[in-house]
Amino acid sequence: MAKFHIKPTILSSDVDTVRLGAGSGAANNWTDAEKGKPVRLVAESRYDLCAVGNDIEGFVSSVEVGTTDGFTIGGVFRNGKFEVTFDGLQGTPGTGVIAVGDIVVAGTPVAKGTALTGAPKVCKATTAANVVQKWRVVSLGAVGTGAVGTTGVIERI
């Protein structure tokens, strides 16, 4: 018999409309390939993709086709629950195990312009006290081990 696991639900989080990308101009424009990726605030009203180890401030929910003042506009989920792939420990992505209650940061990123093939990766924070934007593991998913490559759910606290 299948066991119950916390999962993200539709409309479990508000979406903020923001500018997206490393800057303005065509070279920095985003497409739908960025949906689902973790982001962080980098400038006035603007979020960019997280690098490994960055605090996660939200996840891209949508990307508009046009631009405003040279910037891509899109939506960012900043609260709620999100499905992720476990990527080990912050200092050594790809190795280590994550447990329920662990604080996580961005894991190995998928390059700009390349769509996710699964849930975005997160790593267990080496020093949770230093993480300002806290997301914690609330479910280890169906596998239940927290091993690298398995999926689970995190929530903003």
N, C-alpha and C. Protein backbone atom coordinates (compact mmCIF):
# COMPACT_ATOMS: atom_id res chain seq x y z
N MET A 1 0.83 -1.16 0.00
CA MET A 1 0.00 0.00 0.00
C MET A 1 0.89 1.25 0.00
N ALA A 2 0.48 2.22 -0.81
CA ALA A 2 1.24 3.46 -0.90
C ALA A 2 1.12 4.25 0.39
N LYS A 3 2.19 4.95 0.72
CA LYS A 3 2.20 5.78 1.92
C LYS A 3 1.93 7.23 1.54
N PHE A 4 1.42 8.00 2.50
CA PHE A 4 1.17 9.42 2.29
C PHE A 4 2.49 10.19 2.38
N HIS A 5 2.68 11.15 1.46
CA HIS A 5 3.84 12.04 1.48
C HIS A 5 3.35 13.46 1.17
N ILE A 6 3.90 14.45 1.84
CA ILE A 6 3.58 15.84 1.52
C ILE A 6 4.00 16.12 0.09
N LYS A 7 3.15 16.80 -0.65
CA LYS A 7 3.43 17.18 -2.03
C LYS A 7 3.05 18.65 -2.21
N PRO A 8 3.66 19.32 -3.17
CA PRO A 8 3.22 20.68 -3.48
C PRO A 8 1.79 20.63 -4.02
N THR A 9 1.02 21.68 -3.77
CA THR A 9 -0.34 21.74 -4.29
C THR A 9 -0.52 23.00 -5.12
N ILE A 10 -1.47 22.94 -6.03
CA ILE A 10 -1.75 24.10 -6.86
C ILE A 10 -2.19 25.25 -5.96
N LEU A 11 -1.67 26.44 -6.26
CA LEU A 11 -2.00 27.66 -5.52
C LEU A 11 -1.63 27.59 -4.05
N SER A 12 -0.58 26.83 -3.72
CA SER A 12 -0.13 26.81 -2.33
C SER A 12 0.79 27.98 -2.03
N SER A 13 1.06 28.80 -3.04
CA SER A 13 1.97 29.92 -2.87
C SER A 13 1.52 31.09 -3.74
N ASP A 14 1.74 32.30 -3.26
CA ASP A 14 1.50 33.48 -4.08
C ASP A 14 2.65 33.64 -5.06
N VAL A 15 2.36 34.27 -6.18
CA VAL A 15 3.38 34.51 -7.20
C VAL A 15 3.62 36.02 -7.29
N ASP A 16 4.88 36.42 -7.24
CA ASP A 16 5.24 37.83 -7.40
C ASP A 16 5.71 38.07 -8.83
N THR A 17 5.30 39.17 -9.43
CA THR A 17 5.78 39.55 -10.76
C THR A 17 7.05 40.37 -10.57
N VAL A 18 8.13 39.94 -11.26
CA VAL A 18 9.45 40.56 -11.07
C VAL A 18 10.20 40.63 -12.40
N ARG A 19 11.31 41.37 -12.39
CA ARG A 19 12.24 41.33 -13.52
C ARG A 19 13.13 40.11 -13.31
N LEU A 20 13.53 39.48 -14.40
CA LEU A 20 14.35 38.26 -14.33
C LEU A 20 15.62 38.42 -15.15
N GLY A 21 16.72 37.87 -14.67
CA GLY A 21 17.94 37.81 -15.46
C GLY A 21 19.11 38.54 -14.85
N ALA A 22 20.25 38.40 -15.53
CA ALA A 22 21.49 39.00 -15.07
C ALA A 22 21.55 40.49 -15.41
N GLY A 23 20.67 40.94 -16.28
CA GLY A 23 20.65 42.35 -16.68
C GLY A 23 19.65 42.55 -17.79
N SER A 24 19.69 43.73 -18.40
CA SER A 24 18.77 44.01 -19.50
C SER A 24 19.43 43.65 -20.83
N GLY A 25 18.63 43.61 -21.88
CA GLY A 25 19.15 43.34 -23.21
C GLY A 25 18.96 41.89 -23.63
N ALA A 26 19.01 41.69 -24.95
CA ALA A 26 18.72 40.40 -25.55
C ALA A 26 19.56 39.25 -25.00
N ALA A 27 20.82 39.50 -24.68
CA ALA A 27 21.70 38.43 -24.18
C ALA A 27 21.24 37.91 -22.82
N ASN A 28 20.48 38.72 -22.09
CA ASN A 28 20.02 38.34 -20.76
C ASN A 28 18.57 37.89 -20.72
N ASN A 29 17.87 37.92 -21.87
CA ASN A 29 16.47 37.54 -21.89
C ASN A 29 16.28 36.07 -21.55
N TRP A 30 15.18 35.76 -20.89
CA TRP A 30 14.86 34.40 -20.48
C TRP A 30 13.74 33.84 -21.33
N THR A 31 13.63 32.52 -21.34
CA THR A 31 12.56 31.81 -22.02
C THR A 31 11.89 30.88 -21.01
N ASP A 32 10.92 30.11 -21.46
CA ASP A 32 10.25 29.14 -20.60
C ASP A 32 11.21 28.08 -20.05
N ALA A 33 12.41 27.96 -20.63
CA ALA A 33 13.39 26.98 -20.15
C ALA A 33 13.78 27.24 -18.70
N GLU A 34 13.57 28.46 -18.20
CA GLU A 34 13.97 28.79 -16.83
C GLU A 34 12.91 28.42 -15.79
N LYS A 35 11.71 28.01 -16.23
CA LYS A 35 10.64 27.69 -15.29
C LYS A 35 11.05 26.58 -14.34
N GLY A 36 10.75 26.80 -13.06
CA GLY A 36 11.04 25.82 -12.02
C GLY A 36 12.41 25.96 -11.37
N LYS A 37 13.26 26.80 -11.93
CA LYS A 37 14.62 26.94 -11.39
C LYS A 37 14.64 27.87 -10.17
N PRO A 38 15.57 27.61 -9.22
CA PRO A 38 15.69 28.48 -8.05
C PRO A 38 16.36 29.80 -8.40
N VAL A 39 15.87 30.87 -7.75
CA VAL A 39 16.39 32.21 -8.01
C VAL A 39 16.66 32.95 -6.70
N ARG A 40 17.39 34.06 -6.83
CA ARG A 40 17.68 34.91 -5.68
C ARG A 40 17.62 36.37 -6.14
N LEU A 41 17.32 37.25 -5.20
CA LEU A 41 17.25 38.68 -5.49
C LEU A 41 18.65 39.20 -5.75
N VAL A 42 18.84 39.90 -6.90
CA VAL A 42 20.18 40.39 -7.23
C VAL A 42 20.24 41.90 -7.42
N ALA A 43 19.10 42.54 -7.63
CA ALA A 43 19.08 43.99 -7.83
C ALA A 43 17.64 44.47 -7.64
N GLU A 44 17.44 45.75 -7.82
CA GLU A 44 16.10 46.35 -7.69
C GLU A 44 15.06 45.56 -8.48
N SER A 45 14.12 44.95 -7.78
CA SER A 45 12.98 44.24 -8.38
C SER A 45 13.41 43.13 -9.35
N ARG A 46 14.62 42.60 -9.20
CA ARG A 46 15.13 41.63 -10.18
C ARG A 46 15.73 40.40 -9.51
N TYR A 47 15.38 39.23 -10.02
CA TYR A 47 15.89 37.94 -9.56
C TYR A 47 16.70 37.30 -10.67
N ASP A 48 17.73 36.54 -10.28
CA ASP A 48 18.54 35.80 -11.25
C ASP A 48 18.72 34.38 -10.73
N LEU A 49 19.19 33.50 -11.60
CA LEU A 49 19.38 32.09 -11.24
C LEU A 49 20.38 31.93 -10.11
N CYS A 50 20.10 30.97 -9.25
CA CYS A 50 21.02 30.65 -8.15
C CYS A 50 22.22 29.87 -8.67
N ALA A 51 23.36 30.08 -8.04
CA ALA A 51 24.54 29.24 -8.22
C ALA A 51 24.53 28.23 -7.08
N VAL A 52 25.30 27.17 -7.20
CA VAL A 52 25.35 26.17 -6.14
C VAL A 52 25.74 26.83 -4.82
N GLY A 53 25.00 26.51 -3.76
CA GLY A 53 25.27 27.06 -2.43
C GLY A 53 24.54 28.34 -2.10
N ASN A 54 23.92 29.00 -3.10
CA ASN A 54 23.18 30.24 -2.82
C ASN A 54 21.92 29.95 -2.01
N ASP A 55 21.53 30.91 -1.17
CA ASP A 55 20.21 30.87 -0.55
C ASP A 55 19.17 30.90 -1.66
N ILE A 56 18.12 30.13 -1.51
CA ILE A 56 17.03 30.13 -2.47
C ILE A 56 15.98 31.12 -1.99
N GLU A 57 15.66 32.10 -2.83
CA GLU A 57 14.64 33.07 -2.45
C GLU A 57 13.32 32.80 -3.14
N GLY A 58 13.30 31.90 -4.12
CA GLY A 58 12.07 31.56 -4.81
C GLY A 58 12.36 30.66 -5.99
N PHE A 59 11.28 30.32 -6.70
CA PHE A 59 11.37 29.47 -7.88
C PHE A 59 10.58 30.12 -9.01
N VAL A 60 11.11 30.08 -10.23
CA VAL A 60 10.46 30.70 -11.38
C VAL A 60 9.19 29.94 -11.71
N SER A 61 8.07 30.67 -11.77
CA SER A 61 6.79 30.04 -12.10
C SER A 61 6.36 30.32 -13.54
N SER A 62 6.80 31.46 -14.08
CA SER A 62 6.39 31.82 -15.45
C SER A 62 7.37 32.83 -16.02
N VAL A 63 7.41 32.88 -17.34
CA VAL A 63 8.26 33.84 -18.05
C VAL A 63 7.43 34.45 -19.17
N GLU A 64 7.36 35.77 -19.22
CA GLU A 64 6.60 36.45 -20.27
C GLU A 64 7.39 36.46 -21.58
N VAL A 65 6.68 36.51 -22.69
CA VAL A 65 7.31 36.50 -24.00
C VAL A 65 8.04 37.81 -24.28
N GLY A 66 7.40 38.93 -23.98
CA GLY A 66 8.00 40.24 -24.23
C GLY A 66 8.86 40.71 -23.08
N THR A 67 9.45 41.88 -23.26
CA THR A 67 10.28 42.47 -22.20
C THR A 67 9.69 43.82 -21.80
N THR A 68 10.11 44.31 -20.65
CA THR A 68 9.74 45.64 -20.18
C THR A 68 11.02 46.37 -19.81
N ASP A 69 11.27 47.50 -20.44
CA ASP A 69 12.51 48.26 -20.22
C ASP A 69 13.74 47.40 -20.44
N GLY A 70 13.66 46.44 -21.37
CA GLY A 70 14.80 45.59 -21.70
C GLY A 70 14.96 44.37 -20.80
N PHE A 71 14.10 44.22 -19.82
CA PHE A 71 14.18 43.09 -18.89
C PHE A 71 13.08 42.07 -19.16
N THR A 72 13.41 40.81 -18.97
CA THR A 72 12.40 39.77 -18.99
C THR A 72 11.55 39.92 -17.74
N ILE A 73 10.26 39.73 -17.88
CA ILE A 73 9.33 39.80 -16.76
C ILE A 73 8.77 38.40 -16.53
N GLY A 74 8.60 38.04 -15.28
CA GLY A 74 8.05 36.71 -14.99
C GLY A 74 7.56 36.63 -13.56
N GLY A 75 7.13 35.42 -13.20
CA GLY A 75 6.61 35.18 -11.87
C GLY A 75 7.57 34.35 -11.05
N VAL A 76 7.60 34.61 -9.75
CA VAL A 76 8.44 33.87 -8.81
C VAL A 76 7.61 33.45 -7.60
N PHE A 77 7.61 32.13 -7.31
CA PHE A 77 7.03 31.62 -6.07
C PHE A 77 8.05 31.88 -4.98
N ARG A 78 7.68 32.53 -3.89
CA ARG A 78 8.62 32.79 -2.80
C ARG A 78 8.25 32.09 -1.51
N ASN A 79 7.13 31.40 -1.49
CA ASN A 79 6.67 30.70 -0.30
C ASN A 79 5.99 29.41 -0.72
N GLY A 80 5.64 28.61 0.27
CA GLY A 80 4.91 27.39 -0.02
C GLY A 80 5.81 26.17 -0.04
N LYS A 81 5.37 25.15 -0.75
CA LYS A 81 6.10 23.89 -0.86
C LYS A 81 6.54 23.68 -2.29
N PHE A 82 7.70 23.04 -2.47
CA PHE A 82 8.23 22.84 -3.80
C PHE A 82 8.91 21.48 -3.89
N GLU A 83 8.69 20.76 -4.98
CA GLU A 83 9.36 19.48 -5.18
C GLU A 83 10.78 19.72 -5.68
N VAL A 84 11.73 18.97 -5.13
CA VAL A 84 13.14 19.14 -5.45
C VAL A 84 13.84 17.79 -5.59
N THR A 85 15.02 17.82 -6.17
CA THR A 85 15.89 16.64 -6.23
C THR A 85 17.04 16.87 -5.26
N PHE A 86 17.31 15.90 -4.42
CA PHE A 86 18.39 16.04 -3.44
C PHE A 86 19.74 15.87 -4.12
N ASP A 87 20.69 16.77 -3.76
CA ASP A 87 22.00 16.83 -4.40
C ASP A 87 23.14 16.73 -3.39
N GLY A 88 22.87 16.16 -2.22
CA GLY A 88 23.94 15.96 -1.24
C GLY A 88 24.19 17.17 -0.36
N LEU A 89 25.46 17.35 -0.01
CA LEU A 89 25.85 18.39 0.94
C LEU A 89 26.37 19.63 0.22
N GLN A 90 26.18 20.79 0.83
CA GLN A 90 26.58 22.06 0.21
C GLN A 90 28.04 22.07 -0.21
N GLY A 91 28.93 21.61 0.64
CA GLY A 91 30.36 21.64 0.33
C GLY A 91 30.80 20.60 -0.68
N THR A 92 29.98 19.56 -0.85
CA THR A 92 30.34 18.47 -1.77
C THR A 92 29.11 17.97 -2.52
N PRO A 93 28.53 18.82 -3.41
CA PRO A 93 27.35 18.38 -4.15
C PRO A 93 27.61 17.03 -4.82
N GLY A 94 26.58 16.19 -4.79
CA GLY A 94 26.70 14.86 -5.38
C GLY A 94 27.03 13.78 -4.37
N THR A 95 27.36 14.19 -3.13
CA THR A 95 27.63 13.21 -2.07
C THR A 95 26.92 13.63 -0.79
N GLY A 96 26.47 12.65 -0.04
CA GLY A 96 25.83 12.93 1.24
C GLY A 96 24.34 12.69 1.18
N VAL A 97 23.73 12.66 2.35
CA VAL A 97 22.31 12.36 2.49
C VAL A 97 21.61 13.52 3.19
N ILE A 98 20.38 13.78 2.79
CA ILE A 98 19.56 14.83 3.37
C ILE A 98 18.47 14.20 4.22
N ALA A 99 18.11 14.85 5.33
CA ALA A 99 17.08 14.32 6.23
C ALA A 99 15.94 15.32 6.38
N VAL A 100 14.79 14.83 6.83
CA VAL A 100 13.66 15.71 7.13
C VAL A 100 14.10 16.73 8.17
N GLY A 101 13.76 17.99 7.95
CA GLY A 101 14.14 19.07 8.85
C GLY A 101 15.41 19.79 8.46
N ASP A 102 16.21 19.21 7.56
CA ASP A 102 17.44 19.88 7.12
C ASP A 102 17.11 21.16 6.36
N ILE A 103 17.94 22.18 6.54
CA ILE A 103 17.85 23.42 5.79
C ILE A 103 18.64 23.22 4.50
N VAL A 104 18.08 23.70 3.38
CA VAL A 104 18.73 23.47 2.09
C VAL A 104 19.04 24.78 1.37
N VAL A 105 20.01 24.70 0.48
CA VAL A 105 20.41 25.80 -0.41
C VAL A 105 20.41 25.25 -1.83
N ALA A 106 20.66 26.10 -2.79
CA ALA A 106 20.66 25.67 -4.19
C ALA A 106 21.72 24.60 -4.43
N GLY A 107 21.34 23.60 -5.20
CA GLY A 107 22.27 22.54 -5.58
C GLY A 107 22.89 22.84 -6.94
N THR A 108 23.41 21.82 -7.60
CA THR A 108 24.04 21.98 -8.90
C THR A 108 23.03 22.57 -9.89
N PRO A 109 23.32 23.75 -10.46
CA PRO A 109 22.34 24.40 -11.32
C PRO A 109 22.30 23.82 -12.74
N VAL A 110 21.18 24.05 -13.40
CA VAL A 110 21.04 23.76 -14.82
C VAL A 110 21.27 25.09 -15.53
N ALA A 111 22.08 25.10 -16.55
CA ALA A 111 22.48 26.34 -17.23
C ALA A 111 21.29 27.11 -17.80
N LYS A 112 21.44 28.44 -17.83
CA LYS A 112 20.43 29.30 -18.44
C LYS A 112 20.19 28.83 -19.87
N GLY A 113 18.93 28.77 -20.24
CA GLY A 113 18.56 28.35 -21.60
C GLY A 113 18.34 26.86 -21.74
N THR A 114 18.66 26.09 -20.70
CA THR A 114 18.45 24.64 -20.71
C THR A 114 17.33 24.32 -19.72
N ALA A 115 16.29 23.66 -20.20
CA ALA A 115 15.15 23.35 -19.35
C ALA A 115 15.50 22.25 -18.35
N LEU A 116 14.85 22.30 -17.20
CA LEU A 116 15.00 21.23 -16.21
C LEU A 116 14.44 19.93 -16.79
N THR A 117 15.07 18.82 -16.48
CA THR A 117 14.55 17.52 -16.89
C THR A 117 13.87 16.81 -15.73
N GLY A 118 13.90 17.41 -14.58
CA GLY A 118 13.26 16.91 -13.36
C GLY A 118 13.13 18.07 -12.41
N ALA A 119 12.99 17.77 -11.14
CA ALA A 119 12.90 18.83 -10.14
C ALA A 119 14.26 19.47 -9.93
N PRO A 120 14.31 20.78 -9.58
CA PRO A 120 15.60 21.44 -9.35
C PRO A 120 16.34 20.82 -8.16
N LYS A 121 17.66 20.94 -8.18
CA LYS A 121 18.49 20.32 -7.14
C LYS A 121 18.73 21.25 -5.95
N VAL A 122 18.75 20.63 -4.76
CA VAL A 122 19.09 21.35 -3.53
C VAL A 122 20.11 20.54 -2.74
N CYS A 123 20.92 21.26 -1.96
CA CYS A 123 21.92 20.63 -1.08
C CYS A 123 21.61 20.98 0.37
N LYS A 124 21.99 20.10 1.26
CA LYS A 124 21.89 20.39 2.69
C LYS A 124 22.87 21.51 3.02
N ALA A 125 22.39 22.55 3.70
CA ALA A 125 23.24 23.68 4.07
C ALA A 125 24.30 23.22 5.07
N THR A 126 25.55 23.56 4.80
CA THR A 126 26.65 23.18 5.68
C THR A 126 26.49 23.83 7.05
N THR A 127 26.17 25.12 7.06
CA THR A 127 25.93 25.84 8.31
C THR A 127 24.57 26.51 8.19
N ALA A 128 23.53 25.82 8.66
CA ALA A 128 22.16 26.31 8.52
C ALA A 128 21.98 27.68 9.17
N ALA A 129 22.74 27.98 10.21
CA ALA A 129 22.61 29.27 10.90
C ALA A 129 22.96 30.44 9.98
N ASN A 130 23.80 30.20 8.96
CA ASN A 130 24.21 31.26 8.04
C ASN A 130 23.23 31.47 6.89
N VAL A 131 22.25 30.60 6.76
CA VAL A 131 21.27 30.70 5.68
C VAL A 131 20.19 31.69 6.11
N VAL A 132 19.99 32.73 5.32
CA VAL A 132 19.00 33.75 5.64
C VAL A 132 17.62 33.35 5.09
N GLN A 133 17.58 32.90 3.86
CA GLN A 133 16.33 32.49 3.22
C GLN A 133 16.17 30.98 3.44
N LYS A 134 15.46 30.61 4.48
CA LYS A 134 15.43 29.20 4.89
C LYS A 134 14.30 28.40 4.24
N TRP A 135 14.71 27.29 3.63
CA TRP A 135 13.79 26.26 3.13
C TRP A 135 14.21 24.97 3.83
N ARG A 136 13.22 24.23 4.33
CA ARG A 136 13.56 22.98 5.02
C ARG A 136 12.87 21.80 4.34
N VAL A 137 13.46 20.65 4.51
CA VAL A 137 12.92 19.42 3.94
C VAL A 137 11.75 18.96 4.80
N VAL A 138 10.59 18.72 4.16
CA VAL A 138 9.42 18.23 4.89
C VAL A 138 9.01 16.83 4.46
N SER A 139 9.57 16.35 3.34
CA SER A 139 9.28 14.99 2.88
C SER A 139 10.46 14.46 2.09
N LEU A 140 10.79 13.20 2.33
CA LEU A 140 11.85 12.53 1.57
C LEU A 140 11.28 11.78 0.37
N GLY A 141 10.01 11.97 0.09
CA GLY A 141 9.39 11.38 -1.08
C GLY A 141 9.19 9.89 -0.96
N ALA A 142 8.85 9.27 -2.08
CA ALA A 142 8.51 7.85 -2.11
C ALA A 142 9.69 6.95 -1.73
N VAL A 143 10.90 7.34 -2.11
CA VAL A 143 12.07 6.51 -1.80
C VAL A 143 12.39 6.58 -0.32
N GLY A 144 12.29 7.78 0.25
CA GLY A 144 12.42 7.95 1.69
C GLY A 144 13.81 7.90 2.27
N THR A 145 14.84 8.06 1.43
CA THR A 145 16.21 7.96 1.93
C THR A 145 16.95 9.29 2.01
N GLY A 146 16.57 10.28 1.19
CA GLY A 146 17.30 11.55 1.13
C GLY A 146 18.61 11.43 0.37
N ALA A 147 18.78 10.31 -0.33
CA ALA A 147 20.01 10.08 -1.10
C ALA A 147 20.06 10.98 -2.33
N VAL A 148 21.27 11.22 -2.82
CA VAL A 148 21.48 12.01 -4.03
C VAL A 148 20.64 11.42 -5.17
N GLY A 149 19.92 12.30 -5.87
CA GLY A 149 19.13 11.89 -7.01
C GLY A 149 17.69 11.54 -6.69
N THR A 150 17.36 11.40 -5.41
CA THR A 150 15.96 11.14 -5.05
C THR A 150 15.22 12.46 -4.90
N THR A 151 13.91 12.41 -4.93
CA THR A 151 13.13 13.64 -4.84
C THR A 151 12.37 13.72 -3.53
N GLY A 152 12.06 14.94 -3.15
CA GLY A 152 11.32 15.21 -1.93
C GLY A 152 10.68 16.57 -2.02
N VAL A 153 10.22 17.07 -0.90
CA VAL A 153 9.54 18.36 -0.86
C VAL A 153 10.18 19.25 0.20
N ILE A 154 10.34 20.54 -0.16
CA ILE A 154 10.82 21.53 0.79
C ILE A 154 9.74 22.59 0.97
N GLU A 155 9.81 23.30 2.12
CA GLU A 155 8.89 24.41 2.34
C GLU A 155 9.67 25.58 2.91
N ARG A 156 9.17 26.78 2.63
CA ARG A 156 9.78 28.01 3.14
C ARG A 156 9.39 28.17 4.61
N ILE A 157 10.37 28.48 5.46
CA ILE A 157 10.07 28.72 6.87
C ILE A 157 10.53 30.12 7.27
